[in-house]
Amino acid sequence: MILASQGIGLCPSDTVNEDIQKNRLKVLLQEYEAYEYGVYAVYPHNRHLAAKVRTFIDFLIRWFED
């Protein structure tokens, strides 16, 4: 709808960066941040955690720290 000039939208920047760069979209509120995203690893705490799962969780923690 926003690409069809039918209004404004709130979009994650990584999904519209190309459209912004090619001047198909214009950023209206550059300094406004609507909400912060979170990533959660959910697993049963009452069981033994497999080493590959622990390794993957540690990888995610390092990846998203930035």
N, C-alpha and C. Protein backbone atom coordinates (compact mmCIF):
# COMPACT_ATOMS: atom_id res chain seq x y z
N MET A 1 0.82 -1.19 0.00
CA MET A 1 0.00 0.00 0.00
C MET A 1 0.87 1.25 0.00
N ILE A 2 1.96 1.22 0.78
CA ILE A 2 2.79 2.42 0.80
C ILE A 2 3.53 2.59 -0.53
N LEU A 3 3.90 1.49 -1.16
CA LEU A 3 4.55 1.60 -2.47
C LEU A 3 3.58 2.09 -3.54
N ALA A 4 2.30 1.91 -3.31
CA ALA A 4 1.27 2.38 -4.25
C ALA A 4 0.78 3.78 -3.88
N SER A 5 1.52 4.46 -2.99
CA SER A 5 1.17 5.82 -2.54
C SER A 5 -0.22 5.89 -1.94
N GLN A 6 -0.57 4.87 -1.15
CA GLN A 6 -1.88 4.83 -0.52
C GLN A 6 -1.83 5.18 0.95
N GLY A 7 -0.74 5.75 1.42
CA GLY A 7 -0.64 6.16 2.81
C GLY A 7 0.77 6.00 3.33
N ILE A 8 0.90 5.99 4.66
CA ILE A 8 2.19 5.82 5.30
C ILE A 8 2.19 4.49 6.04
N GLY A 9 3.37 4.01 6.37
CA GLY A 9 3.46 2.72 7.06
C GLY A 9 4.62 2.70 8.02
N LEU A 10 4.56 1.77 8.93
CA LEU A 10 5.63 1.53 9.89
C LEU A 10 6.23 0.18 9.54
N CYS A 11 7.46 0.20 9.03
CA CYS A 11 8.09 -1.02 8.51
C CYS A 11 9.47 -1.20 9.11
N PRO A 12 9.89 -2.45 9.31
CA PRO A 12 11.28 -2.68 9.71
C PRO A 12 12.21 -2.18 8.60
N SER A 13 13.25 -1.47 8.98
CA SER A 13 14.12 -0.85 7.99
C SER A 13 14.75 -1.85 7.03
N ASP A 14 15.08 -3.04 7.52
CA ASP A 14 15.72 -4.00 6.62
C ASP A 14 14.79 -4.50 5.52
N THR A 15 13.49 -4.32 5.67
CA THR A 15 12.56 -4.76 4.63
C THR A 15 12.30 -3.68 3.59
N VAL A 16 12.65 -2.44 3.89
CA VAL A 16 12.36 -1.34 2.95
C VAL A 16 13.60 -0.55 2.53
N ASN A 17 14.78 -0.95 2.96
CA ASN A 17 16.00 -0.21 2.64
C ASN A 17 16.19 -0.02 1.14
N GLU A 18 15.97 -1.06 0.38
CA GLU A 18 16.15 -0.97 -1.08
C GLU A 18 15.18 0.05 -1.68
N ASP A 19 13.93 0.04 -1.22
CA ASP A 19 12.95 0.98 -1.72
C ASP A 19 13.30 2.42 -1.34
N ILE A 20 13.87 2.61 -0.17
CA ILE A 20 14.31 3.95 0.26
C ILE A 20 15.48 4.41 -0.61
N GLN A 21 16.45 3.52 -0.83
CA GLN A 21 17.62 3.87 -1.63
C GLN A 21 17.23 4.22 -3.08
N LYS A 22 16.21 3.55 -3.61
CA LYS A 22 15.78 3.79 -4.99
C LYS A 22 14.69 4.86 -5.07
N ASN A 23 14.50 5.61 -3.96
CA ASN A 23 13.54 6.71 -3.88
C ASN A 23 12.10 6.31 -4.19
N ARG A 24 11.77 5.06 -3.92
CA ARG A 24 10.38 4.63 -4.04
C ARG A 24 9.62 4.92 -2.76
N LEU A 25 10.37 5.04 -1.64
CA LEU A 25 9.80 5.38 -0.35
C LEU A 25 10.62 6.50 0.26
N LYS A 26 9.98 7.29 1.10
CA LYS A 26 10.64 8.38 1.81
C LYS A 26 10.47 8.17 3.31
N VAL A 27 11.54 8.35 4.06
CA VAL A 27 11.49 8.23 5.51
C VAL A 27 10.90 9.52 6.08
N LEU A 28 9.87 9.37 6.90
CA LEU A 28 9.22 10.54 7.48
C LEU A 28 9.73 10.87 8.88
N LEU A 29 9.88 9.88 9.72
CA LEU A 29 10.28 10.09 11.11
C LEU A 29 11.56 9.32 11.40
N GLN A 30 12.68 9.84 10.91
CA GLN A 30 13.97 9.16 11.01
C GLN A 30 14.34 8.81 12.45
N GLU A 31 14.12 9.72 13.38
CA GLU A 31 14.55 9.51 14.76
C GLU A 31 13.56 8.70 15.60
N TYR A 32 12.41 8.39 15.05
CA TYR A 32 11.38 7.66 15.80
C TYR A 32 11.64 6.16 15.75
N GLU A 33 11.62 5.53 16.91
CA GLU A 33 11.74 4.08 17.00
C GLU A 33 10.51 3.57 17.72
N ALA A 34 9.71 2.79 17.02
CA ALA A 34 8.42 2.36 17.54
C ALA A 34 8.56 1.36 18.69
N TYR A 35 9.43 0.42 18.52
CA TYR A 35 9.61 -0.62 19.54
C TYR A 35 10.92 -1.33 19.29
N GLU A 36 11.35 -2.04 20.29
CA GLU A 36 12.60 -2.78 20.19
C GLU A 36 12.27 -4.26 20.05
N TYR A 37 12.97 -4.91 19.15
CA TYR A 37 12.74 -6.33 18.92
C TYR A 37 13.49 -7.17 19.94
N GLY A 38 12.99 -8.35 20.20
CA GLY A 38 13.66 -9.29 21.06
C GLY A 38 13.70 -10.66 20.39
N VAL A 39 14.73 -11.41 20.71
CA VAL A 39 14.85 -12.78 20.22
C VAL A 39 14.97 -13.67 21.44
N TYR A 40 14.17 -14.69 21.47
CA TYR A 40 14.13 -15.56 22.65
C TYR A 40 14.37 -17.01 22.25
N ALA A 41 15.17 -17.70 23.03
CA ALA A 41 15.37 -19.14 22.87
C ALA A 41 14.58 -19.82 23.98
N VAL A 42 13.61 -20.62 23.60
CA VAL A 42 12.74 -21.27 24.57
C VAL A 42 13.02 -22.77 24.51
N TYR A 43 13.33 -23.33 25.65
CA TYR A 43 13.62 -24.76 25.74
C TYR A 43 13.26 -25.23 27.14
N PRO A 44 12.97 -26.53 27.28
CA PRO A 44 12.59 -27.05 28.60
C PRO A 44 13.78 -27.05 29.56
N HIS A 45 13.61 -26.44 30.72
CA HIS A 45 14.70 -26.35 31.69
C HIS A 45 14.83 -27.63 32.53
N ASN A 46 13.85 -28.48 32.49
CA ASN A 46 13.90 -29.68 33.33
C ASN A 46 14.54 -30.86 32.62
N ARG A 47 15.07 -30.65 31.43
CA ARG A 47 15.74 -31.72 30.70
C ARG A 47 17.20 -31.34 30.44
N HIS A 48 17.97 -32.37 30.09
CA HIS A 48 19.36 -32.13 29.70
C HIS A 48 19.37 -31.39 28.37
N LEU A 49 20.14 -30.30 28.29
CA LEU A 49 20.23 -29.50 27.08
C LEU A 49 21.34 -30.06 26.20
N ALA A 50 21.00 -30.45 24.98
CA ALA A 50 21.98 -31.02 24.06
C ALA A 50 23.07 -29.99 23.76
N ALA A 51 24.28 -30.46 23.57
CA ALA A 51 25.42 -29.58 23.31
C ALA A 51 25.20 -28.74 22.06
N LYS A 52 24.60 -29.32 21.03
CA LYS A 52 24.38 -28.56 19.80
C LYS A 52 23.36 -27.43 20.01
N VAL A 53 22.39 -27.64 20.88
CA VAL A 53 21.42 -26.59 21.19
C VAL A 53 22.10 -25.48 21.98
N ARG A 54 22.90 -25.84 22.97
CA ARG A 54 23.64 -24.85 23.76
C ARG A 54 24.57 -24.03 22.87
N THR A 55 25.25 -24.71 21.94
CA THR A 55 26.15 -24.03 21.01
C THR A 55 25.38 -23.05 20.14
N PHE A 56 24.21 -23.46 19.67
CA PHE A 56 23.39 -22.59 18.83
C PHE A 56 22.90 -21.38 19.61
N ILE A 57 22.47 -21.59 20.84
CA ILE A 57 22.02 -20.47 21.69
C ILE A 57 23.16 -19.50 21.94
N ASP A 58 24.34 -20.01 22.22
CA ASP A 58 25.51 -19.15 22.43
C ASP A 58 25.83 -18.35 21.17
N PHE A 59 25.70 -18.99 20.01
CA PHE A 59 25.91 -18.30 18.73
C PHE A 59 24.90 -17.16 18.57
N LEU A 60 23.63 -17.43 18.88
CA LEU A 60 22.59 -16.40 18.75
C LEU A 60 22.87 -15.22 19.68
N ILE A 61 23.31 -15.51 20.89
CA ILE A 61 23.62 -14.46 21.85
C ILE A 61 24.72 -13.56 21.29
N ARG A 62 25.79 -14.15 20.78
CA ARG A 62 26.88 -13.35 20.20
C ARG A 62 26.41 -12.58 18.98
N TRP A 63 25.62 -13.21 18.14
CA TRP A 63 25.15 -12.59 16.89
C TRP A 63 24.30 -11.35 17.15
N PHE A 64 23.38 -11.45 18.13
CA PHE A 64 22.44 -10.37 18.37
C PHE A 64 22.92 -9.36 19.41
N GLU A 65 24.08 -9.57 20.01
CA GLU A 65 24.60 -8.60 20.98
C GLU A 65 24.86 -7.24 20.33
N ASP A 66 25.25 -7.26 19.07
CA ASP A 66 25.54 -6.00 18.37
C ASP A 66 24.26 -5.29 18.07
